[in-house]
N, C-alpha and C. Protein backbone atom coordinates (compact mmCIF):
# COMPACT_ATOMS: atom_id res chain seq x y z
N MET A 1 22.40 103.56 -41.61
CA MET A 1 22.43 102.32 -42.32
C MET A 1 23.84 101.89 -42.46
N THR A 2 24.36 100.62 -42.23
CA THR A 2 25.55 99.94 -41.93
C THR A 2 25.96 100.00 -43.74
N LEU A 3 27.40 100.59 -44.11
CA LEU A 3 27.75 100.58 -45.28
C LEU A 3 27.94 98.84 -45.67
N ASP A 4 27.58 98.41 -46.75
CA ASP A 4 27.80 97.14 -46.92
C ASP A 4 29.27 96.96 -47.96
N ARG A 5 30.44 96.72 -47.46
CA ARG A 5 31.64 96.79 -48.24
C ARG A 5 31.59 95.77 -49.34
N SER A 6 30.77 94.67 -49.34
CA SER A 6 30.68 93.95 -50.35
C SER A 6 30.44 94.76 -51.93
N LEU A 7 29.75 95.66 -51.54
CA LEU A 7 29.21 96.50 -53.13
C LEU A 7 30.22 97.15 -53.58
N LEU A 8 31.35 97.38 -52.92
CA LEU A 8 32.58 98.01 -53.34
C LEU A 8 33.80 97.37 -53.70
N LEU A 9 33.81 95.72 -53.62
CA LEU A 9 34.88 94.91 -53.90
C LEU A 9 35.11 94.89 -55.38
N ALA A 10 34.34 95.24 -56.12
CA ALA A 10 34.69 95.79 -57.92
C ALA A 10 35.61 96.68 -58.07
N PRO A 11 36.59 96.46 -59.32
CA PRO A 11 37.21 97.80 -59.30
C PRO A 11 36.47 98.82 -59.75
N SER A 12 37.25 99.98 -59.26
CA SER A 12 36.31 101.17 -59.32
C SER A 12 35.65 101.87 -60.15
N TYR A 13 36.17 101.42 -61.67
CA TYR A 13 35.23 102.12 -62.84
C TYR A 13 34.09 101.08 -63.30
N GLU A 14 34.14 99.92 -62.19
CA GLU A 14 32.83 99.11 -62.25
C GLU A 14 31.88 99.73 -61.09
N VAL A 15 32.18 100.18 -59.93
CA VAL A 15 31.39 100.85 -58.79
C VAL A 15 31.15 101.84 -59.13
N ALA A 16 32.05 102.86 -59.98
CA ALA A 16 31.66 104.29 -60.41
C ALA A 16 30.16 104.63 -60.56
N PRO A 17 29.47 103.96 -61.45
CA PRO A 17 28.13 104.20 -61.66
C PRO A 17 27.24 104.18 -60.44
N PHE A 18 27.51 103.06 -59.97
CA PHE A 18 26.63 102.66 -58.43
C PHE A 18 26.84 103.94 -57.62
N LEU A 19 28.20 104.46 -57.44
CA LEU A 19 28.11 105.41 -56.46
C LEU A 19 27.42 106.72 -56.66
N LEU A 20 27.14 107.02 -57.73
CA LEU A 20 26.26 108.09 -58.41
C LEU A 20 24.81 107.92 -57.76
N GLY A 21 24.56 109.14 -57.05
CA GLY A 21 23.39 109.26 -56.24
C GLY A 21 23.31 108.71 -54.83
N SER A 22 24.55 108.13 -54.48
CA SER A 22 25.03 107.93 -53.05
C SER A 22 24.74 109.14 -51.99
N ILE A 23 24.90 109.12 -50.99
CA ILE A 23 25.04 109.92 -49.88
C ILE A 23 25.98 109.76 -49.16
N LEU A 24 26.73 111.17 -48.98
CA LEU A 24 28.11 111.48 -48.01
C LEU A 24 27.61 112.08 -46.82
N THR A 25 27.62 111.78 -45.71
CA THR A 25 27.35 112.64 -44.61
C THR A 25 28.77 112.99 -43.76
N VAL A 26 28.69 113.97 -43.63
CA VAL A 26 30.11 114.53 -42.75
C VAL A 26 29.80 115.03 -41.21
N ASP A 27 30.13 114.79 -40.21
CA ASP A 27 29.59 115.36 -38.95
C ASP A 27 30.69 116.15 -38.68
N SER A 28 30.37 117.17 -37.82
CA SER A 28 31.45 118.00 -37.18
C SER A 28 31.03 118.61 -35.94
N PRO A 29 31.76 119.44 -35.28
CA PRO A 29 31.09 120.20 -33.98
C PRO A 29 30.25 121.30 -34.38
N GLU A 30 30.43 121.65 -35.56
CA GLU A 30 29.52 122.76 -36.06
C GLU A 30 28.05 122.22 -36.63
N GLY A 31 28.12 121.14 -37.06
CA GLY A 31 26.85 120.25 -37.58
C GLY A 31 27.36 119.34 -38.65
N SER A 32 26.33 118.81 -39.33
CA SER A 32 26.51 117.90 -40.31
C SER A 32 26.25 118.49 -41.76
N VAL A 33 26.91 117.79 -42.84
CA VAL A 33 26.58 118.23 -44.14
C VAL A 33 26.44 116.89 -44.68
N SER A 34 25.46 116.82 -45.68
CA SER A 34 24.90 115.79 -46.35
C SER A 34 25.11 115.82 -47.81
N LEU A 35 25.70 115.35 -48.89
CA LEU A 35 25.97 115.47 -50.17
C LEU A 35 25.28 114.29 -50.99
N ARG A 36 24.81 114.61 -51.85
CA ARG A 36 24.12 113.50 -52.97
C ARG A 36 25.39 113.50 -54.31
N ILE A 37 25.97 112.50 -53.97
CA ILE A 37 27.15 112.22 -55.08
C ILE A 37 26.71 112.43 -56.50
N THR A 38 27.38 113.27 -57.30
CA THR A 38 26.63 113.68 -58.76
C THR A 38 27.82 113.15 -59.91
N GLU A 39 29.38 113.02 -59.42
CA GLU A 39 30.49 113.23 -60.38
C GLU A 39 31.56 112.41 -59.58
N VAL A 40 32.12 111.38 -60.15
CA VAL A 40 33.23 110.65 -59.70
C VAL A 40 34.05 110.38 -60.80
N GLU A 41 35.61 110.06 -60.42
CA GLU A 41 36.36 109.58 -61.39
C GLU A 41 37.01 108.33 -60.74
N ALA A 42 37.31 107.32 -61.75
CA ALA A 42 37.63 106.31 -61.29
C ALA A 42 39.32 106.11 -61.47
N TYR A 43 39.98 105.48 -60.54
CA TYR A 43 41.38 105.26 -60.60
C TYR A 43 41.91 103.93 -60.21
N HIS A 44 42.85 103.07 -60.82
CA HIS A 44 42.89 101.44 -60.84
C HIS A 44 44.33 101.36 -60.82
N GLY A 45 44.88 101.64 -59.65
CA GLY A 45 46.43 101.05 -59.44
C GLY A 45 47.31 100.93 -60.35
N SER A 46 48.07 99.75 -60.41
CA SER A 46 49.14 99.10 -61.53
C SER A 46 48.73 99.49 -62.95
N GLU A 47 47.34 99.17 -63.13
CA GLU A 47 47.00 99.44 -64.61
C GLU A 47 46.66 100.93 -64.82
N ASP A 48 46.78 101.82 -64.27
CA ASP A 48 46.26 103.07 -64.42
C ASP A 48 47.52 104.08 -64.17
N PRO A 49 47.83 104.36 -65.45
CA PRO A 49 49.16 105.54 -65.20
C PRO A 49 48.74 107.13 -64.38
N GLY A 50 47.64 107.18 -64.37
CA GLY A 50 47.15 108.51 -64.02
C GLY A 50 46.55 108.18 -62.33
N SER A 51 46.97 107.09 -61.96
CA SER A 51 46.62 106.71 -60.10
C SER A 51 47.80 106.96 -59.61
N HIS A 52 47.66 107.55 -57.91
CA HIS A 52 48.77 107.64 -57.27
C HIS A 52 49.67 106.13 -56.94
N ALA A 53 48.91 105.10 -56.99
CA ALA A 53 49.18 103.79 -56.83
C ALA A 53 50.03 103.28 -58.05
N PHE A 54 49.82 103.52 -59.35
CA PHE A 54 50.54 103.21 -60.41
C PHE A 54 51.92 102.42 -60.02
N ARG A 55 52.82 103.19 -59.59
CA ARG A 55 54.21 102.67 -59.15
C ARG A 55 54.31 101.79 -58.06
N GLY A 56 53.25 101.59 -57.38
CA GLY A 56 52.99 100.51 -56.23
C GLY A 56 52.91 101.18 -54.92
N ARG A 57 52.96 100.43 -53.59
CA ARG A 57 52.49 100.88 -52.55
C ARG A 57 53.71 102.10 -51.90
N THR A 58 52.90 103.07 -51.10
CA THR A 58 54.13 103.97 -50.58
C THR A 58 53.15 104.16 -49.06
N ASN A 59 53.85 104.95 -48.54
CA ASN A 59 53.20 105.76 -47.11
C ASN A 59 52.05 106.35 -47.23
N ARG A 60 52.07 107.32 -48.60
CA ARG A 60 51.25 108.35 -49.09
C ARG A 60 49.66 107.32 -49.42
N ASN A 61 49.65 106.47 -50.31
CA ASN A 61 48.66 105.81 -50.93
C ASN A 61 48.52 104.46 -50.48
N ALA A 62 48.82 104.16 -49.10
CA ALA A 62 48.95 102.84 -48.63
C ALA A 62 47.28 102.57 -48.17
N VAL A 63 46.51 103.56 -47.81
CA VAL A 63 44.94 103.55 -47.52
C VAL A 63 44.29 102.69 -48.77
N MET A 64 44.90 102.94 -50.12
CA MET A 64 44.54 102.62 -51.35
C MET A 64 44.37 101.05 -51.66
N PHE A 65 45.46 100.38 -50.89
CA PHE A 65 45.61 99.01 -50.56
C PHE A 65 45.14 98.04 -49.56
N GLY A 66 44.03 98.67 -49.07
CA GLY A 66 43.54 98.34 -47.96
C GLY A 66 41.94 97.79 -48.10
N GLU A 67 41.03 97.86 -46.88
CA GLU A 67 40.07 97.37 -46.99
C GLU A 67 39.32 98.35 -47.77
N PRO A 68 38.21 98.06 -48.63
CA PRO A 68 37.07 99.09 -49.25
C PRO A 68 36.31 99.56 -48.52
N GLY A 69 35.96 100.66 -48.70
CA GLY A 69 35.00 101.56 -47.66
C GLY A 69 35.61 102.49 -47.05
N HIS A 70 36.97 102.81 -47.18
CA HIS A 70 37.64 103.87 -46.16
C HIS A 70 37.92 105.17 -47.31
N LEU A 71 38.47 105.94 -46.68
CA LEU A 71 38.55 107.48 -47.46
C LEU A 71 40.08 107.40 -47.54
N TYR A 72 40.66 107.88 -48.68
CA TYR A 72 41.78 108.30 -49.39
C TYR A 72 41.84 109.73 -49.25
N THR A 73 42.84 110.31 -48.68
CA THR A 73 42.81 111.94 -48.91
C THR A 73 44.25 112.08 -49.19
N TYR A 74 44.40 113.30 -50.11
CA TYR A 74 45.41 113.90 -50.63
C TYR A 74 45.56 115.23 -50.97
N PHE A 75 46.69 116.03 -50.73
CA PHE A 75 47.00 117.39 -50.94
C PHE A 75 47.31 117.74 -52.36
N THR A 76 46.84 118.55 -52.97
CA THR A 76 47.39 118.87 -54.29
C THR A 76 47.33 120.33 -54.52
N TYR A 77 48.31 120.79 -55.21
CA TYR A 77 48.70 122.42 -55.76
C TYR A 77 49.00 122.94 -54.33
N GLY A 78 49.68 122.26 -53.06
CA GLY A 78 49.79 122.73 -52.06
C GLY A 78 48.59 123.77 -51.39
N MET A 79 47.46 123.56 -51.89
CA MET A 79 46.17 124.04 -50.80
C MET A 79 45.15 123.44 -50.95
N HIS A 80 44.78 122.00 -51.63
CA HIS A 80 43.49 121.57 -51.77
C HIS A 80 43.42 120.16 -51.29
N THR A 81 42.53 119.69 -50.50
CA THR A 81 42.04 118.47 -50.30
C THR A 81 41.41 117.78 -51.29
N CYS A 82 41.62 116.57 -51.49
CA CYS A 82 40.85 115.92 -52.30
C CYS A 82 40.47 114.68 -51.76
N ALA A 83 38.99 113.84 -51.85
CA ALA A 83 38.92 112.71 -51.24
C ALA A 83 38.32 111.51 -52.11
N ASN A 84 38.66 110.26 -51.82
CA ASN A 84 38.56 109.31 -52.75
C ASN A 84 37.68 108.16 -51.91
N VAL A 85 36.83 107.30 -52.45
CA VAL A 85 36.36 106.26 -51.70
C VAL A 85 37.29 104.86 -52.12
N VAL A 86 37.94 104.03 -51.36
CA VAL A 86 38.76 102.98 -51.68
C VAL A 86 37.65 101.69 -51.76
N CYS A 87 38.07 101.41 -53.02
CA CYS A 87 37.17 100.01 -53.78
C CYS A 87 38.26 99.16 -53.76
N GLY A 88 37.44 97.89 -54.11
CA GLY A 88 38.23 96.74 -54.75
C GLY A 88 38.69 95.80 -53.29
N PRO A 89 39.34 94.63 -53.73
CA PRO A 89 39.69 93.84 -52.57
C PRO A 89 40.68 94.52 -51.75
N ASP A 90 41.34 93.74 -50.66
CA ASP A 90 42.28 94.20 -49.73
C ASP A 90 43.78 93.87 -50.96
N GLY A 91 44.75 94.66 -51.13
CA GLY A 91 45.77 94.29 -51.86
C GLY A 91 45.70 95.17 -53.23
N GLN A 92 44.48 95.45 -53.71
CA GLN A 92 44.51 95.90 -55.05
C GLN A 92 43.78 97.29 -54.80
N ALA A 93 44.87 98.43 -55.39
CA ALA A 93 44.55 99.65 -55.01
C ALA A 93 43.69 100.11 -56.24
N SER A 94 42.39 100.49 -55.79
CA SER A 94 41.47 101.02 -56.58
C SER A 94 40.33 102.16 -55.71
N GLY A 95 40.14 103.37 -56.29
CA GLY A 95 39.68 104.22 -55.70
C GLY A 95 38.92 105.27 -56.69
N LEU A 96 37.87 105.65 -55.93
CA LEU A 96 37.11 107.07 -56.61
C LEU A 96 37.03 108.13 -55.97
N LEU A 97 37.49 109.13 -56.89
CA LEU A 97 37.90 110.56 -56.54
C LEU A 97 36.37 111.17 -56.60
N LEU A 98 35.97 111.73 -55.26
CA LEU A 98 34.83 112.39 -55.20
C LEU A 98 34.53 114.05 -55.76
N ARG A 99 34.16 114.09 -57.27
CA ARG A 99 34.54 115.26 -58.04
C ARG A 99 33.48 116.26 -57.56
N ALA A 100 32.28 116.00 -57.40
CA ALA A 100 31.18 116.80 -57.03
C ALA A 100 30.13 116.00 -56.37
N GLY A 101 29.07 117.34 -55.70
CA GLY A 101 27.87 116.70 -55.37
C GLY A 101 27.30 117.80 -55.27
N GLU A 102 25.59 117.50 -54.77
CA GLU A 102 24.64 118.30 -54.47
C GLU A 102 24.61 118.64 -52.61
N VAL A 103 24.72 119.63 -52.18
CA VAL A 103 24.22 119.82 -50.92
C VAL A 103 22.69 119.42 -50.27
N ILE A 104 22.26 118.43 -49.81
CA ILE A 104 21.06 118.16 -49.50
C ILE A 104 20.72 118.36 -48.18
N ASP A 105 21.47 118.48 -47.17
CA ASP A 105 21.48 118.75 -45.86
C ASP A 105 22.66 119.40 -45.25
N GLY A 106 22.32 120.52 -44.40
CA GLY A 106 23.44 121.34 -43.65
C GLY A 106 23.84 122.47 -44.69
N ILE A 107 23.02 122.95 -45.62
CA ILE A 107 23.34 123.70 -46.51
C ILE A 107 23.70 125.12 -46.12
N ASP A 108 23.34 125.51 -44.88
CA ASP A 108 23.69 126.87 -44.29
C ASP A 108 25.24 126.59 -43.76
N LEU A 109 25.55 125.72 -43.31
CA LEU A 109 27.04 125.00 -42.72
C LEU A 109 27.84 125.28 -44.01
N ALA A 110 27.26 124.58 -45.38
CA ALA A 110 28.20 124.46 -46.21
C ALA A 110 28.59 125.89 -46.92
N ARG A 111 27.40 126.64 -46.91
CA ARG A 111 27.51 128.03 -47.49
C ARG A 111 28.58 128.78 -46.43
N SER A 112 28.54 128.57 -45.26
CA SER A 112 29.60 129.49 -44.41
C SER A 112 30.90 128.90 -44.74
N ARG A 113 31.14 127.74 -45.25
CA ARG A 113 32.46 127.44 -45.60
C ARG A 113 32.90 127.84 -47.03
N ARG A 114 31.94 128.02 -47.76
CA ARG A 114 32.20 128.37 -49.09
C ARG A 114 31.50 129.51 -49.38
N VAL A 115 32.12 130.81 -48.80
CA VAL A 115 31.51 132.01 -49.00
C VAL A 115 31.78 132.55 -50.53
N THR A 116 32.55 132.11 -51.11
CA THR A 116 32.64 132.58 -52.73
C THR A 116 31.57 131.84 -53.42
N SER A 117 30.89 130.70 -53.07
CA SER A 117 29.82 130.32 -53.98
C SER A 117 28.58 131.17 -54.01
N ARG A 118 28.24 131.58 -55.27
CA ARG A 118 27.09 132.58 -55.34
C ARG A 118 25.66 131.70 -55.30
N LYS A 119 25.92 130.60 -56.17
CA LYS A 119 24.80 129.88 -55.99
C LYS A 119 24.85 128.55 -55.41
N ASP A 120 23.94 127.86 -54.85
CA ASP A 120 23.85 126.61 -54.04
C ASP A 120 24.59 125.49 -54.68
N PHE A 121 24.30 125.57 -56.13
CA PHE A 121 24.83 124.52 -57.07
C PHE A 121 26.33 124.48 -57.24
N ASP A 122 26.78 125.46 -56.75
CA ASP A 122 28.42 125.73 -56.86
C ASP A 122 29.09 125.35 -55.50
N LEU A 123 28.38 124.89 -54.62
CA LEU A 123 28.90 124.71 -53.37
C LEU A 123 30.06 123.53 -53.29
N ALA A 124 29.62 122.73 -54.23
CA ALA A 124 30.29 121.24 -53.86
C ALA A 124 30.83 120.84 -55.41
N ARG A 125 31.01 121.87 -56.38
CA ARG A 125 31.25 121.53 -57.63
C ARG A 125 32.44 121.22 -57.98
N GLY A 126 32.94 120.41 -57.76
CA GLY A 126 34.74 120.10 -57.74
C GLY A 126 35.20 119.43 -56.81
N PRO A 127 36.32 118.82 -56.79
CA PRO A 127 36.76 117.86 -55.52
C PRO A 127 37.45 118.52 -54.57
N ALA A 128 38.00 119.84 -54.72
CA ALA A 128 38.41 120.61 -53.51
C ALA A 128 37.09 121.31 -52.74
N ARG A 129 36.29 121.73 -53.77
CA ARG A 129 35.12 122.39 -53.05
C ARG A 129 34.06 121.46 -52.48
N LEU A 130 34.24 120.09 -52.72
CA LEU A 130 33.13 119.13 -52.19
C LEU A 130 34.12 118.93 -50.97
N THR A 131 35.20 119.04 -50.71
CA THR A 131 35.82 118.44 -49.31
C THR A 131 35.75 119.88 -48.41
N VAL A 132 35.73 121.15 -49.08
CA VAL A 132 35.41 122.18 -48.20
C VAL A 132 34.00 122.33 -47.54
N ALA A 133 33.35 122.20 -48.43
CA ALA A 133 31.87 122.28 -48.16
C ALA A 133 31.41 121.29 -47.41
N ALA A 134 31.90 120.23 -47.27
CA ALA A 134 31.61 119.00 -46.34
C ALA A 134 32.22 119.03 -45.03
N GLY A 135 33.52 119.69 -45.02
CA GLY A 135 34.08 119.76 -44.01
C GLY A 135 35.14 118.50 -43.78
N ILE A 136 35.58 118.00 -45.07
CA ILE A 136 36.63 117.17 -44.94
C ILE A 136 38.04 117.61 -45.14
N THR A 137 38.96 117.07 -44.24
CA THR A 137 40.34 117.80 -44.34
C THR A 137 41.37 116.22 -44.53
N LEU A 138 42.54 116.86 -44.76
CA LEU A 138 43.61 115.57 -45.03
C LEU A 138 43.39 114.81 -43.85
N ALA A 139 43.32 115.21 -42.73
CA ALA A 139 43.38 114.35 -41.49
C ALA A 139 42.53 113.24 -41.49
N ASP A 140 41.39 113.45 -42.35
CA ASP A 140 40.44 112.24 -42.31
C ASP A 140 41.02 111.00 -43.45
N GLY A 141 41.80 111.33 -44.07
CA GLY A 141 42.63 109.80 -44.47
C GLY A 141 42.69 108.78 -43.89
N GLY A 142 41.97 107.74 -44.37
CA GLY A 142 41.87 106.04 -43.56
C GLY A 142 40.50 106.06 -42.93
N ALA A 143 39.78 107.38 -42.81
CA ALA A 143 38.37 107.16 -42.10
C ALA A 143 37.53 105.95 -42.59
N ASP A 144 36.83 105.12 -41.62
CA ASP A 144 36.16 104.31 -42.28
C ASP A 144 34.69 104.67 -42.25
N LEU A 145 34.33 104.64 -43.87
CA LEU A 145 33.03 105.30 -44.09
C LEU A 145 31.84 104.55 -43.33
N ALA A 146 31.90 103.32 -42.63
CA ALA A 146 30.85 102.77 -42.19
C ALA A 146 30.95 103.17 -40.58
N ALA A 147 31.95 103.75 -39.91
CA ALA A 147 32.05 103.67 -38.54
C ALA A 147 33.14 105.15 -38.25
N SER A 148 32.87 106.11 -38.56
CA SER A 148 33.57 107.30 -38.44
C SER A 148 32.48 108.48 -38.72
N ARG A 149 33.10 109.65 -38.26
CA ARG A 149 32.14 110.92 -38.42
C ARG A 149 31.86 111.14 -40.16
N ILE A 150 32.55 110.48 -40.93
CA ILE A 150 32.15 110.63 -42.29
C ILE A 150 31.62 109.22 -42.44
N ARG A 151 30.19 109.24 -43.12
CA ARG A 151 29.21 108.22 -43.47
C ARG A 151 29.29 108.08 -45.04
N LEU A 152 29.17 106.88 -45.61
CA LEU A 152 28.67 106.73 -47.12
C LEU A 152 27.28 105.63 -46.90
N GLU A 153 26.22 106.42 -47.47
CA GLU A 153 25.03 105.64 -47.68
C GLU A 153 25.06 105.38 -49.11
N LEU A 154 25.16 104.09 -49.47
CA LEU A 154 24.94 103.92 -50.92
C LEU A 154 23.55 103.75 -51.38
N GLY A 155 23.38 104.16 -52.61
CA GLY A 155 22.24 104.02 -53.19
C GLY A 155 21.95 102.82 -54.34
N SER A 156 21.25 102.66 -55.41
CA SER A 156 21.04 101.96 -55.91
C SER A 156 21.21 102.18 -57.63
N GLY A 157 22.46 103.39 -57.43
CA GLY A 157 22.73 103.79 -58.66
C GLY A 157 22.11 104.77 -59.48
N VAL A 158 22.41 105.29 -60.43
CA VAL A 158 21.27 106.16 -61.34
C VAL A 158 21.00 105.29 -62.65
N ALA A 159 19.79 105.47 -63.33
CA ALA A 159 19.18 105.06 -64.55
C ALA A 159 19.93 105.41 -65.69
N ASN A 160 20.82 106.36 -65.83
CA ASN A 160 21.47 107.19 -66.68
C ASN A 160 22.67 107.80 -66.20
N PHE A 161 23.60 107.60 -66.84
CA PHE A 161 25.00 108.29 -66.30
C PHE A 161 25.82 108.37 -67.67
N ALA A 162 26.66 109.50 -67.61
CA ALA A 162 27.69 109.84 -68.74
C ALA A 162 29.16 109.34 -68.50
N THR A 163 30.09 109.22 -69.23
CA THR A 163 31.35 109.04 -69.17
C THR A 163 32.15 109.58 -70.23
N GLY A 164 33.46 110.13 -69.70
CA GLY A 164 34.45 110.87 -70.51
C GLY A 164 35.81 110.82 -69.71
N PRO A 165 36.66 111.46 -70.47
CA PRO A 165 38.29 111.58 -70.22
C PRO A 165 38.11 112.15 -68.69
N ARG A 166 39.24 111.72 -67.77
CA ARG A 166 39.21 111.96 -66.55
C ARG A 166 39.76 113.94 -66.58
N THR A 167 39.43 114.61 -65.43
CA THR A 167 39.74 116.02 -65.68
C THR A 167 41.29 116.19 -65.27
N GLY A 168 42.04 117.00 -66.01
CA GLY A 168 43.21 117.48 -65.24
C GLY A 168 44.37 116.30 -65.12
N VAL A 169 44.23 115.22 -65.94
CA VAL A 169 45.02 114.02 -65.61
C VAL A 169 46.07 114.00 -66.58
N SER A 170 47.44 114.28 -66.21
CA SER A 170 48.58 114.41 -67.22
C SER A 170 48.77 113.04 -67.91
N GLY A 171 49.35 112.82 -69.28
CA GLY A 171 50.12 111.78 -69.63
C GLY A 171 48.98 110.98 -70.19
N ALA A 172 49.34 109.51 -70.34
CA ALA A 172 48.16 108.49 -70.87
C ALA A 172 47.23 108.31 -70.29
N GLY A 173 47.09 108.62 -68.97
CA GLY A 173 46.04 108.59 -67.79
C GLY A 173 44.97 109.58 -68.00
N GLY A 174 45.13 110.56 -69.13
CA GLY A 174 44.52 111.53 -69.22
C GLY A 174 43.82 111.35 -70.69
N THR A 175 43.94 110.20 -71.24
CA THR A 175 43.39 110.09 -72.67
C THR A 175 41.91 109.54 -72.77
N THR A 176 41.46 109.36 -73.97
CA THR A 176 40.43 108.56 -74.08
C THR A 176 40.49 107.30 -73.96
N GLU A 177 41.57 106.67 -73.67
CA GLU A 177 41.61 105.40 -73.26
C GLU A 177 41.12 104.98 -71.90
N PHE A 178 41.09 105.95 -71.14
CA PHE A 178 40.58 105.87 -69.93
C PHE A 178 39.38 107.02 -69.54
N PRO A 179 38.01 106.53 -70.18
CA PRO A 179 36.97 107.45 -69.78
C PRO A 179 36.38 107.11 -68.58
N TRP A 180 36.93 107.32 -67.71
CA TRP A 180 36.71 106.50 -66.46
C TRP A 180 36.16 108.07 -65.39
N ARG A 181 35.75 109.13 -66.06
CA ARG A 181 35.08 110.15 -65.45
C ARG A 181 33.33 109.83 -65.53
N PHE A 182 32.63 109.93 -64.47
CA PHE A 182 31.51 109.37 -64.72
C PHE A 182 30.23 110.59 -63.86
N TRP A 183 29.40 110.75 -64.33
CA TRP A 183 28.55 111.97 -63.99
C TRP A 183 27.33 111.76 -64.26
N ILE A 184 26.27 112.55 -63.74
CA ILE A 184 24.89 112.46 -63.89
C ILE A 184 24.54 113.57 -64.77
N PRO A 185 24.35 113.31 -66.06
CA PRO A 185 24.02 114.28 -67.31
C PRO A 185 22.88 115.20 -66.69
N GLY A 186 23.12 116.66 -66.84
CA GLY A 186 22.11 117.63 -66.91
C GLY A 186 21.94 118.14 -65.40
N ASP A 187 22.93 117.48 -64.53
CA ASP A 187 22.99 118.04 -63.35
C ASP A 187 23.70 119.14 -63.05
N ARG A 188 23.31 120.34 -62.53
CA ARG A 188 24.23 121.48 -62.53
C ARG A 188 25.50 121.40 -61.62
N THR A 189 25.08 120.39 -60.54
CA THR A 189 26.42 120.61 -59.67
C THR A 189 27.79 119.92 -60.32
N VAL A 190 27.69 119.01 -61.66
CA VAL A 190 28.76 118.33 -62.04
C VAL A 190 29.77 119.46 -62.64
N SER A 191 31.22 119.39 -62.21
CA SER A 191 32.08 120.19 -62.48
C SER A 191 32.57 120.39 -64.06
N PRO A 192 32.62 121.35 -64.88
CA PRO A 192 33.23 121.45 -65.88
C PRO A 192 34.41 120.68 -66.35
N TYR A 193 34.54 120.06 -67.38
CA TYR A 193 35.37 119.19 -67.89
C TYR A 193 36.92 120.35 -68.19
N LYS A 194 37.94 120.16 -67.88
CA LYS A 194 39.28 120.72 -68.13
C LYS A 194 40.14 119.63 -68.60
N ALA A 195 40.91 119.81 -69.77
CA ALA A 195 41.91 118.99 -70.13
C ALA A 195 43.34 119.30 -69.23
N HIS A 196 44.31 118.51 -68.92
CA HIS A 196 45.17 118.86 -68.24
C HIS A 196 46.11 119.74 -68.83
N ALA A 197 46.65 120.86 -67.86
CA ALA A 197 47.46 121.82 -68.15
C ALA A 197 48.59 121.96 -67.23
N PRO A 198 49.77 121.89 -67.86
CA PRO A 198 51.03 121.64 -66.70
C PRO A 198 50.79 122.90 -65.83
N LYS A 199 51.53 122.81 -64.69
CA LYS A 199 51.63 123.72 -63.79
C LYS A 199 52.79 123.50 -63.00
N ARG A 200 53.33 124.73 -62.57
CA ARG A 200 54.85 124.91 -62.05
C ARG A 200 54.43 124.70 -60.47
N ARG A 201 54.30 123.21 -60.01
CA ARG A 201 53.85 123.17 -58.72
C ARG A 201 54.66 121.90 -58.33
N LEU A 202 55.26 121.95 -56.87
CA LEU A 202 55.82 120.86 -56.46
C LEU A 202 54.74 119.46 -56.41
N GLU A 203 53.28 119.47 -55.91
CA GLU A 203 52.56 118.65 -55.80
C GLU A 203 52.14 118.00 -57.01
N SER A 204 51.68 116.89 -57.23
CA SER A 204 51.06 116.57 -58.54
C SER A 204 49.64 116.74 -58.50
N SER A 205 49.32 116.94 -59.84
CA SER A 205 47.71 116.87 -59.69
C SER A 205 47.31 115.53 -59.97
N GLY A 206 46.50 115.56 -61.32
CA GLY A 206 45.88 113.88 -61.69
C GLY A 206 45.24 113.48 -60.38
N GLY A 207 45.06 112.34 -60.17
CA GLY A 207 43.78 111.76 -59.41
C GLY A 207 44.35 110.95 -58.24
N ASN A 208 44.23 109.62 -58.09
CA ASN A 208 44.50 109.18 -56.57
C ASN A 208 45.29 108.02 -56.79
């Protein structure tokens, strides 16, 4: 199915509930892994102090300012890759961090990548675990989710969803003023909430 970009033209915090339940499939030489998205976080450019695009366009965040339906990836804490779906019209940086998902296809491959997970619901329970289980790397930044090895199949959203403060975001962006974490309530694959805790790292935490 071809990705309908028009469904991603709204700001990320409006697209977020619609993305829940959608299917992300990642192909690789080892096989394919498909995830049902169960948790996301919205980030919205210059209006959002938690966003990587808050202070404008850079080489790092340029993908966020482009066409919706592409992947924005970044490296955090010197060890983890996180992946985001770009939303909004060209020139308006808006994105959805993929925080958690349920592996619905390719589970043996996901298990081989996430050998520390004792339960299947833990395979993609968190943004770094999700990218590892799916096989997404930093080099996938900019990938077209309609025409690349990574494909997004949008559903019709979910009937019920929960919202709350974003996880691990510092400063004003992590307050209840931005209840832009969205998840499917009661789903075991949703990651536990953690408030921001300062870390002595060179890379930023935060979202996108």
